[in-house]
């Protein structure tokens, strides 16, 4: 009788170990899939940023006078804002 109890306990332990192994495997697969998703997203983000910079450079080279006028306007606006902030103190 004591041997059947030991055999049943061994069976339960083996079953529990097998379930734990499957659960660990599923978690590892989910983590691996998540890492893949993050890598793809990072690559797509980097590609989009590079494309944006290239487009911006081309636009600046095609319209140099507009670039100069815009830069001047932003500088004047920033200077006015900073002067106004300093005057308030």
PDB file of N, CA and C in Angstrom:
ATOM      1  N   UNK A   1       0.810  -1.184   0.000  1.00  0.00           N
ATOM      2  CA  UNK A   1       0.000   0.000   0.000  1.00  0.00           C
ATOM      3  C   UNK A   1       0.860   1.258   0.000  1.00  0.00           C
ATOM      4  N   UNK A   2       1.939   1.266   0.782  1.00  0.00           N
ATOM      5  CA  UNK A   2       2.792   2.441   0.830  1.00  0.00           C
ATOM      6  C   UNK A   2       3.462   2.673  -0.521  1.00  0.00           C
ATOM      7  N   UNK A   3       3.661   1.632  -1.284  1.00  0.00           N
ATOM      8  CA  UNK A   3       4.274   1.786  -2.595  1.00  0.00           C
ATOM      9  C   UNK A   3       3.292   2.451  -3.565  1.00  0.00           C
ATOM     10  N   UNK A   4       2.023   2.170  -3.467  1.00  0.00           N
ATOM     11  CA  UNK A   4       1.055   2.809  -4.367  1.00  0.00           C
ATOM     12  C   UNK A   4       0.929   4.300  -4.043  1.00  0.00           C
ATOM     13  N   UNK A   5       1.017   4.647  -2.774  1.00  0.00           N
ATOM     14  CA  UNK A   5       0.974   6.061  -2.407  1.00  0.00           C
ATOM     15  C   UNK A   5       2.205   6.774  -2.965  1.00  0.00           C
ATOM     16  N   UNK A   6       3.358   6.142  -2.845  1.00  0.00           N
ATOM     17  CA  UNK A   6       4.594   6.714  -3.375  1.00  0.00           C
ATOM     18  C   UNK A   6       4.506   6.816  -4.900  1.00  0.00           C
ATOM     19  N   UNK A   7       3.943   5.784  -5.531  1.00  0.00           N
ATOM     20  CA  UNK A   7       3.805   5.827  -6.997  1.00  0.00           C
ATOM     21  C   UNK A   7       2.858   6.943  -7.427  1.00  0.00           C
ATOM     22  N   UNK A   8       1.761   7.128  -6.687  1.00  0.00           N
ATOM     23  CA  UNK A   8       0.818   8.205  -7.027  1.00  0.00           C
ATOM     24  C   UNK A   8       1.465   9.570  -6.810  1.00  0.00           C
ATOM     25  N   UNK A   9       2.200   9.718  -5.729  1.00  0.00           N
ATOM     26  CA  UNK A   9       2.886  10.982  -5.460  1.00  0.00           C
ATOM     27  C   UNK A   9       3.915  11.266  -6.557  1.00  0.00           C
ATOM     28  N   UNK A  10       4.620  10.233  -6.968  1.00  0.00           N
ATOM     29  CA  UNK A  10       5.602  10.386  -8.052  1.00  0.00           C
ATOM     30  C   UNK A  10       4.903  10.803  -9.343  1.00  0.00           C
ATOM     31  N   UNK A  11       3.756  10.203  -9.609  1.00  0.00           N
ATOM     32  CA  UNK A  11       2.982  10.558 -10.804  1.00  0.00           C
ATOM     33  C   UNK A  11       2.506  11.999 -10.759  1.00  0.00           C
ATOM     34  N   UNK A  12       2.032  12.440  -9.594  1.00  0.00           N
ATOM     35  CA  UNK A  12       1.590  13.826  -9.445  1.00  0.00           C
ATOM     36  C   UNK A  12       2.756  14.805  -9.604  1.00  0.00           C
ATOM     37  N   UNK A  13       3.882  14.437  -9.051  1.00  0.00           N
ATOM     38  CA  UNK A  13       5.064  15.304  -9.163  1.00  0.00           C
ATOM     39  C   UNK A  13       5.518  15.400 -10.614  1.00  0.00           C
ATOM     40  N   UNK A  14       5.527  14.269 -11.308  1.00  0.00           N
ATOM     41  CA  UNK A  14       5.930  14.268 -12.713  1.00  0.00           C
ATOM     42  C   UNK A  14       4.946  15.088 -13.554  1.00  0.00           C
ATOM     43  N   UNK A  15       3.641  14.964 -13.266  1.00  0.00           N
ATOM     44  CA  UNK A  15       2.626  15.730 -13.991  1.00  0.00           C
ATOM     45  C   UNK A  15       2.786  17.235 -13.726  1.00  0.00           C
ATOM     46  N   UNK A  16       3.028  17.581 -12.484  1.00  0.00           N
ATOM     47  CA  UNK A  16       3.230  18.987 -12.136  1.00  0.00           C
ATOM     48  C   UNK A  16       4.482  19.550 -12.807  1.00  0.00           C
ATOM     49  N   UNK A  17       5.533  18.766 -12.828  1.00  0.00           N
ATOM     50  CA  UNK A  17       6.769  19.203 -13.472  1.00  0.00           C
ATOM     51  C   UNK A  17       6.553  19.407 -14.968  1.00  0.00           C
ATOM     52  N   UNK A  18       5.781  18.509 -15.581  1.00  0.00           N
ATOM     53  CA  UNK A  18       5.505  18.624 -17.015  1.00  0.00           C
ATOM     54  C   UNK A  18       4.658  19.880 -17.301  1.00  0.00           C
ATOM     55  N   UNK A  19       3.671  20.170 -16.466  1.00  0.00           N
ATOM     56  CA  UNK A  19       2.849  21.367 -16.634  1.00  0.00           C
ATOM     57  C   UNK A  19       3.687  22.635 -16.453  1.00  0.00           C
ATOM     58  N   UNK A  20       4.554  22.613 -15.457  1.00  0.00           N
ATOM     59  CA  UNK A  20       5.421  23.768 -15.220  1.00  0.00           C
ATOM     60  C   UNK A  20       6.356  23.985 -16.406  1.00  0.00           C
ATOM     61  N   UNK A  21       6.844  22.902 -16.966  1.00  0.00           N
ATOM     62  CA  UNK A  21       7.721  22.999 -18.128  1.00  0.00           C
ATOM     63  C   UNK A  21       6.980  23.600 -19.314  1.00  0.00           C
ATOM     64  N   UNK A  22       5.738  23.162 -19.549  1.00  0.00           N
ATOM     65  CA  UNK A  22       4.939  23.713 -20.653  1.00  0.00           C
ATOM     66  C   UNK A  22       4.656  25.204 -20.430  1.00  0.00           C
ATOM     67  N   UNK A  23       4.327  25.566 -19.203  1.00  0.00           N
ATOM     68  CA  UNK A  23       4.041  26.967 -18.894  1.00  0.00           C
ATOM     69  C   UNK A  23       5.286  27.830 -19.103  1.00  0.00           C
ATOM     70  N   UNK A  24       6.429  27.341 -18.665  1.00  0.00           N
ATOM     71  CA  UNK A  24       7.682  28.071 -18.845  1.00  0.00           C
ATOM     72  C   UNK A  24       7.999  28.229 -20.324  1.00  0.00           C
ATOM     73  N   UNK A  25       7.753  27.170 -21.084  1.00  0.00           N
ATOM     74  CA  UNK A  25       7.977  27.215 -22.527  1.00  0.00           C
ATOM     75  C   UNK A  25       7.076  28.250 -23.184  1.00  0.00           C
ATOM     76  N   UNK A  26       5.813  28.307 -22.769  1.00  0.00           N
ATOM     77  CA  UNK A  26       4.875  29.279 -23.337  1.00  0.00           C
ATOM     78  C   UNK A  26       5.291  30.699 -22.999  1.00  0.00           C
ATOM     79  N   UNK A  27       5.747  30.929 -21.779  1.00  0.00           N
ATOM     80  CA  UNK A  27       6.206  32.265 -21.380  1.00  0.00           C
ATOM     81  C   UNK A  27       7.441  32.656 -22.187  1.00  0.00           C
ATOM     82  N   UNK A  28       8.367  31.732 -22.372  1.00  0.00           N
ATOM     83  CA  UNK A  28       9.578  32.018 -23.144  1.00  0.00           C
ATOM     84  C   UNK A  28       9.220  32.350 -24.592  1.00  0.00           C
ATOM     85  N   UNK A  29       8.267  31.615 -25.170  1.00  0.00           N
ATOM     86  CA  UNK A  29       7.830  31.896 -26.538  1.00  0.00           C
ATOM     87  C   UNK A  29       7.187  33.275 -26.633  1.00  0.00           C
ATOM     88  N   UNK A  30       6.372  33.627 -25.645  1.00  0.00           N
ATOM     89  CA  UNK A  30       5.711  34.940 -25.649  1.00  0.00           C
ATOM     90  C   UNK A  30       6.743  36.061 -25.534  1.00  0.00           C
ATOM     91  N   UNK A  31       7.745  35.879 -24.698  1.00  0.00           N
ATOM     92  CA  UNK A  31       8.795  36.894 -24.549  1.00  0.00           C
ATOM     93  C   UNK A  31       9.583  37.032 -25.842  1.00  0.00           C
ATOM     94  N   UNK A  32       9.908  35.914 -26.458  1.00  0.00           N
ATOM     95  CA  UNK A  32      10.655  35.941 -27.717  1.00  0.00           C
ATOM     96  C   UNK A  32       9.851  36.650 -28.813  1.00  0.00           C
ATOM     97  N   UNK A  33       8.565  36.392 -28.868  1.00  0.00           N
ATOM     98  CA  UNK A  33       7.708  37.059 -29.845  1.00  0.00           C
ATOM     99  C   UNK A  33       7.633  38.561 -29.573  1.00  0.00           C
ATOM    100  N   UNK A  34       7.538  38.938 -28.307  1.00  0.00           N
ATOM    101  CA  UNK A  34       7.511  40.353 -27.938  1.00  0.00           C
ATOM    102  C   UNK A  34       8.797  41.067 -28.320  1.00  0.00           C
ATOM    103  N   UNK A  35       9.918  40.404 -28.124  1.00  0.00           N
ATOM    104  CA  UNK A  35      11.206  40.995 -28.499  1.00  0.00           C
ATOM    105  C   UNK A  35      11.259  41.214 -30.012  1.00  0.00           C
ATOM    106  N   UNK A  36      10.738  40.262 -30.756  1.00  0.00           N
ATOM    107  CA  UNK A  36      10.698  40.409 -32.212  1.00  0.00           C
ATOM    108  C   UNK A  36       9.847  41.593 -32.640  1.00  0.00           C
ATOM    109  N   UNK A  37       8.704  41.767 -31.981  1.00  0.00           N
ATOM    110  CA  UNK A  37       7.816  42.894 -32.297  1.00  0.00           C
ATOM    111  C   UNK A  37       8.515  44.214 -31.995  1.00  0.00           C
ATOM    112  N   UNK A  38       9.184  44.283 -30.863  1.00  0.00           N
ATOM    113  CA  UNK A  38       9.882  45.519 -30.488  1.00  0.00           C
ATOM    114  C   UNK A  38      11.004  45.821 -31.473  1.00  0.00           C
ATOM    115  N   UNK A  39      11.735  44.807 -31.898  1.00  0.00           N
ATOM    116  CA  UNK A  39      12.817  45.027 -32.864  1.00  0.00           C
ATOM    117  C   UNK A  39      12.272  45.554 -34.189  1.00  0.00           C
ATOM    118  N   UNK A  40      11.182  44.961 -34.665  1.00  0.00           N
ATOM    119  CA  UNK A  40      10.588  45.428 -35.922  1.00  0.00           C
ATOM    120  C   UNK A  40      10.094  46.861 -35.794  1.00  0.00           C
ATOM    121  N   UNK A  41       9.469  47.180 -34.665  1.00  0.00           N
ATOM    122  CA  UNK A  41       8.965  48.538 -34.451  1.00  0.00           C
ATOM    123  C   UNK A  41      10.120  49.540 -34.399  1.00  0.00           C
ATOM    124  N   UNK A  42      11.195  49.180 -33.734  1.00  0.00           N
ATOM    125  CA  UNK A  42      12.357  50.073 -33.652  1.00  0.00           C
ATOM    126  C   UNK A  42      12.968  50.289 -35.028  1.00  0.00           C
ATOM    127  N   UNK A  43      13.059  49.231 -35.823  1.00  0.00           N
ATOM    128  CA  UNK A  43      13.611  49.359 -37.169  1.00  0.00           C
ATOM    129  C   UNK A  43      12.719  50.242 -38.031  1.00  0.00           C
ATOM    130  N   UNK A  44      11.414  50.051 -37.964  1.00  0.00           N
ATOM    131  CA  UNK A  44      10.493  50.873 -38.747  1.00  0.00           C
ATOM    132  C   UNK A  44      10.556  52.335 -38.308  1.00  0.00           C
ATOM    133  N   UNK A  45      10.669  52.564 -37.010  1.00  0.00           N
ATOM    134  CA  UNK A  45      10.789  53.930 -36.500  1.00  0.00           C
ATOM    135  C   UNK A  45      12.067  54.592 -36.985  1.00  0.00           C
ATOM    136  N   UNK A  46      13.158  53.858 -36.944  1.00  0.00           N
ATOM    137  CA  UNK A  46      14.434  54.387 -37.433  1.00  0.00           C
ATOM    138  C   UNK A  46      14.379  54.695 -38.921  1.00  0.00           C
ATOM    139  N   UNK A  47      13.756  53.802 -39.691  1.00  0.00           N
ATOM    140  CA  UNK A  47      13.618  54.032 -41.129  1.00  0.00           C
ATOM    141  C   UNK A  47      12.759  55.265 -41.408  1.00  0.00           C
ATOM    142  N   UNK A  48      11.685  55.433 -40.659  1.00  0.00           N
ATOM    143  CA  UNK A  48      10.809  56.594 -40.846  1.00  0.00           C
ATOM    144  C   UNK A  48      11.545  57.890 -40.503  1.00  0.00           C
ATOM    145  N   UNK A  49      12.326  57.877 -39.424  1.00  0.00           N
ATOM    146  CA  UNK A  49      13.089  59.072 -39.040  1.00  0.00           C
ATOM    147  C   UNK A  49      14.126  59.411 -40.103  1.00  0.00           C
ATOM    148  N   UNK A  50      14.798  58.409 -40.632  1.00  0.00           N
ATOM    149  CA  UNK A  50      15.798  58.643 -41.668  1.00  0.00           C
ATOM    150  C   UNK A  50      15.147  59.206 -42.932  1.00  0.00           C
ATOM    151  N   UNK A  51      14.005  58.669 -43.307  1.00  0.00           N
ATOM    152  CA  UNK A  51      13.289  59.175 -44.477  1.00  0.00           C
ATOM    153  C   UNK A  51      12.841  60.627 -44.263  1.00  0.00           C
ATOM    154  N   UNK A  52      12.376  60.932 -43.050  1.00  0.00           N
ATOM    155  CA  UNK A  52      11.968  62.308 -42.730  1.00  0.00           C
ATOM    156  C   UNK A  52      13.143  63.269 -42.855  1.00  0.00           C
ATOM    157  N   UNK A  53      14.302  62.883 -42.326  1.00  0.00           N
ATOM    158  CA  UNK A  53      15.483  63.742 -42.414  1.00  0.00           C
ATOM    159  C   UNK A  53      15.921  63.938 -43.862  1.00  0.00           C
ATOM    160  N   UNK A  54      15.885  62.886 -44.654  1.00  0.00           N
ATOM    161  CA  UNK A  54      16.253  63.005 -46.063  1.00  0.00           C
ATOM    162  C   UNK A  54      15.298  63.939 -46.806  1.00  0.00           C
ATOM    163  N   UNK A  55      14.003  63.781 -46.554  1.00  0.00           N
ATOM    164  CA  UNK A  55      13.019  64.660 -47.191  1.00  0.00           C
ATOM    165  C   UNK A  55      13.219  66.117 -46.777  1.00  0.00           C
ATOM    166  N   UNK A  56      13.503  66.323 -45.501  1.00  0.00           N
ATOM    167  CA  UNK A  56      13.729  67.679 -45.007  1.00  0.00           C
ATOM    168  C   UNK A  56      14.955  68.301 -45.659  1.00  0.00           C
ATOM    169  N   UNK A  57      16.028  67.534 -45.760  1.00  0.00           N
ATOM    170  CA  UNK A  57      17.249  68.048 -46.403  1.00  0.00           C
ATOM    171  C   UNK A  57      16.987  68.411 -47.859  1.00  0.00           C
ATOM    172  N   UNK A  58      16.264  67.570 -48.565  1.00  0.00           N
ATOM    173  CA  UNK A  58      15.956  67.862 -49.966  1.00  0.00           C
ATOM    174  C   UNK A  58      15.096  69.121 -50.094  1.00  0.00           C
ATOM    175  N   UNK A  59      14.120  69.266 -49.211  1.00  0.00           N
ATOM    176  CA  UNK A  59      13.247  70.440 -49.254  1.00  0.00           C
ATOM    177  C   UNK A  59      14.051  71.712 -48.968  1.00  0.00           C
ATOM    178  N   UNK A  60      14.964  71.658 -47.994  1.00  0.00           N
ATOM    179  CA  UNK A  60      15.791  72.827 -47.678  1.00  0.00           C
ATOM    180  C   UNK A  60      16.702  73.195 -48.843  1.00  0.00           C
ATOM    181  N   UNK A  61      17.215  72.208 -49.538  1.00  0.00           N
ATOM    182  CA  UNK A  61      18.092  72.481 -50.675  1.00  0.00           C
ATOM    183  C   UNK A  61      17.315  73.029 -51.872  1.00  0.00           C
ATOM    184  N   UNK A  62      16.068  72.638 -52.029  1.00  0.00           N
ATOM    185  CA  UNK A  62      15.265  73.117 -53.149  1.00  0.00           C
ATOM    186  C   UNK A  62      14.755  74.540 -52.940  1.00  0.00           C
ATOM    187  N   UNK A  63      14.590  74.946 -51.664  1.00  0.00           N
ATOM    188  CA  UNK A  63      14.019  76.261 -51.355  1.00  0.00           C
ATOM    189  C   UNK A  63      14.918  77.029 -50.383  1.00  0.00           C
ATOM    190  N   UNK A  64      16.083  77.476 -50.835  1.00  0.00           N
ATOM    191  CA  UNK A  64      17.012  78.139 -49.903  1.00  0.00           C
ATOM    192  C   UNK A  64      16.510  79.495 -49.397  1.00  0.00           C
ATOM    193  N   UNK A  65      15.821  80.266 -50.228  1.00  0.00           N
ATOM    194  CA  UNK A  65      15.342  81.573 -49.774  1.00  0.00           C
ATOM    195  C   UNK A  65      14.234  81.433 -48.736  1.00  0.00           C
ATOM    196  N   UNK A  66      13.349  80.489 -48.955  1.00  0.00           N
ATOM    197  CA  UNK A  66      12.294  80.240 -47.968  1.00  0.00           C
ATOM    198  C   UNK A  66      12.898  79.761 -46.647  1.00  0.00           C
ATOM    199  N   UNK A  67      13.932  78.944 -46.744  1.00  0.00           N
ATOM    200  CA  UNK A  67      14.620  78.461 -45.540  1.00  0.00           C
ATOM    201  C   UNK A  67      15.243  79.632 -44.785  1.00  0.00           C
ATOM    202  N   UNK A  68      15.891  80.516 -45.508  1.00  0.00           N
ATOM    203  CA  UNK A  68      16.519  81.675 -44.879  1.00  0.00           C
ATOM    204  C   UNK A  68      15.477  82.584 -44.222  1.00  0.00           C
ATOM    205  N   UNK A  69      14.378  82.840 -44.914  1.00  0.00           N
ATOM    206  CA  UNK A  69      13.329  83.704 -44.367  1.00  0.00           C
ATOM    207  C   UNK A  69      12.683  83.072 -43.130  1.00  0.00           C
ATOM    208  N   UNK A  70      12.438  81.787 -43.183  1.00  0.00           N
ATOM    209  CA  UNK A  70      11.830  81.090 -42.036  1.00  0.00           C
ATOM    210  C   UNK A  70      12.765  81.117 -40.841  1.00  0.00           C
ATOM    211  N   UNK A  71      14.049  80.875 -41.075  1.00  0.00           N
ATOM    212  CA  UNK A  71      15.034  80.896 -39.985  1.00  0.00           C
ATOM    213  C   UNK A  71      15.097  82.279 -39.355  1.00  0.00           C
ATOM    214  N   UNK A  72      15.091  83.314 -40.180  1.00  0.00           N
ATOM    215  CA  UNK A  72      15.109  84.685 -39.663  1.00  0.00           C
ATOM    216  C   UNK A  72      13.857  84.961 -38.831  1.00  0.00           C
ATOM    217  N   UNK A  73      12.689  84.562 -39.323  1.00  0.00           N
ATOM    218  CA  UNK A  73      11.431  84.797 -38.601  1.00  0.00           C
ATOM    219  C   UNK A  73      11.409  84.066 -37.261  1.00  0.00           C
ATOM    220  N   UNK A  74      11.892  82.848 -37.236  1.00  0.00           N
ATOM    221  CA  UNK A  74      11.932  82.092 -35.978  1.00  0.00           C
ATOM    222  C   UNK A  74      12.899  82.757 -35.002  1.00  0.00           C
ATOM    223  N   UNK A  75      14.037  83.243 -35.492  1.00  0.00           N
ATOM    224  CA  UNK A  75      14.997  83.929 -34.625  1.00  0.00           C
ATOM    225  C   UNK A  75      14.429  85.203 -34.031  1.00  0.00           C
ATOM    226  N   UNK A  76      13.729  85.975 -34.853  1.00  0.00           N
ATOM    227  CA  UNK A  76      13.121  87.212 -34.353  1.00  0.00           C
ATOM    228  C   UNK A  76      12.045  86.888 -33.315  1.00  0.00           C
ATOM    229  N   UNK A  77      11.223  85.889 -33.605  1.00  0.00           N
ATOM    230  CA  UNK A  77      10.160  85.509 -32.662  1.00  0.00           C
ATOM    231  C   UNK A  77      10.753  85.020 -31.340  1.00  0.00           C
ATOM    232  N   UNK A  78      11.800  84.204 -31.411  1.00  0.00           N
ATOM    233  CA  UNK A  78      12.432  83.707 -30.184  1.00  0.00           C
ATOM    234  C   UNK A  78      13.064  84.859 -29.401  1.00  0.00           C
ATOM    235  N   UNK A  79      13.731  85.771 -30.096  1.00  0.00           N
ATOM    236  CA  UNK A  79      14.336  86.917 -29.419  1.00  0.00           C
ATOM    237  C   UNK A  79      13.298  87.806 -28.759  1.00  0.00           C
ATOM    238  N   UNK A  80      12.187  88.031 -29.461  1.00  0.00           N
ATOM    239  CA  UNK A  80      11.106  88.839 -28.898  1.00  0.00           C
ATOM    240  C   UNK A  80      10.529  88.172 -27.651  1.00  0.00           C
ATOM    241  N   UNK A  81      10.307  86.867 -27.728  1.00  0.00           N
ATOM    242  CA  UNK A  81       9.753  86.135 -26.591  1.00  0.00           C
ATOM    243  C   UNK A  81      10.700  86.170 -25.394  1.00  0.00           C
ATOM    244  N   UNK A  82      11.980  85.959 -25.628  1.00  0.00           N
ATOM    245  CA  UNK A  82      12.961  85.981 -24.533  1.00  0.00           C
ATOM    246  C   UNK A  82      13.036  87.386 -23.929  1.00  0.00           C
ATOM    247  N   UNK A  83      13.049  88.415 -24.785  1.00  0.00           N
ATOM    248  CA  UNK A  83      13.068  89.787 -24.277  1.00  0.00           C
ATOM    249  C   UNK A  83      11.833  90.097 -23.456  1.00  0.00           C
ATOM    250  N   UNK A  84      10.687  89.661 -23.926  1.00  0.00           N
ATOM    251  CA  UNK A  84       9.438  89.875 -23.192  1.00  0.00           C
ATOM    252  C   UNK A  84       9.465  89.177 -21.833  1.00  0.00           C
ATOM    253  N   UNK A  85      10.002  87.939 -21.784  1.00  0.00           N
ATOM    254  CA  UNK A  85      10.087  87.199 -20.524  1.00  0.00           C
ATOM    255  C   UNK A  85      11.045  87.888 -19.548  1.00  0.00           C
ATOM    256  N   UNK A  86      12.171  88.391 -20.052  1.00  0.00           N
ATOM    257  CA  UNK A  86      13.128  89.072 -19.179  1.00  0.00           C
ATOM    258  C   UNK A  86      12.568  90.411 -18.675  1.00  0.00           C
ATOM    259  N   UNK A  87      11.793  91.083 -19.511  1.00  0.00           N
ATOM    260  CA  UNK A  87      11.200  92.364 -19.132  1.00  0.00           C
ATOM    261  C   UNK A  87      10.182  92.193 -18.012  1.00  0.00           C
ATOM    262  N   UNK A  88       9.473  91.089 -17.998  1.00  0.00           N
ATOM    263  CA  UNK A  88       8.463  90.841 -16.979  1.00  0.00           C
ATOM    264  C   UNK A  88       9.064  90.647 -15.601  1.00  0.00           C
ATOM    265  N   UNK A  89      10.283  90.241 -15.517  1.00  0.00           N
ATOM    266  CA  UNK A  89      10.926  90.034 -14.229  1.00  0.00           C
ATOM    267  C   UNK A  89      11.332  91.354 -13.704  1.00  0.00           C
TER     268      UNK A  89
END
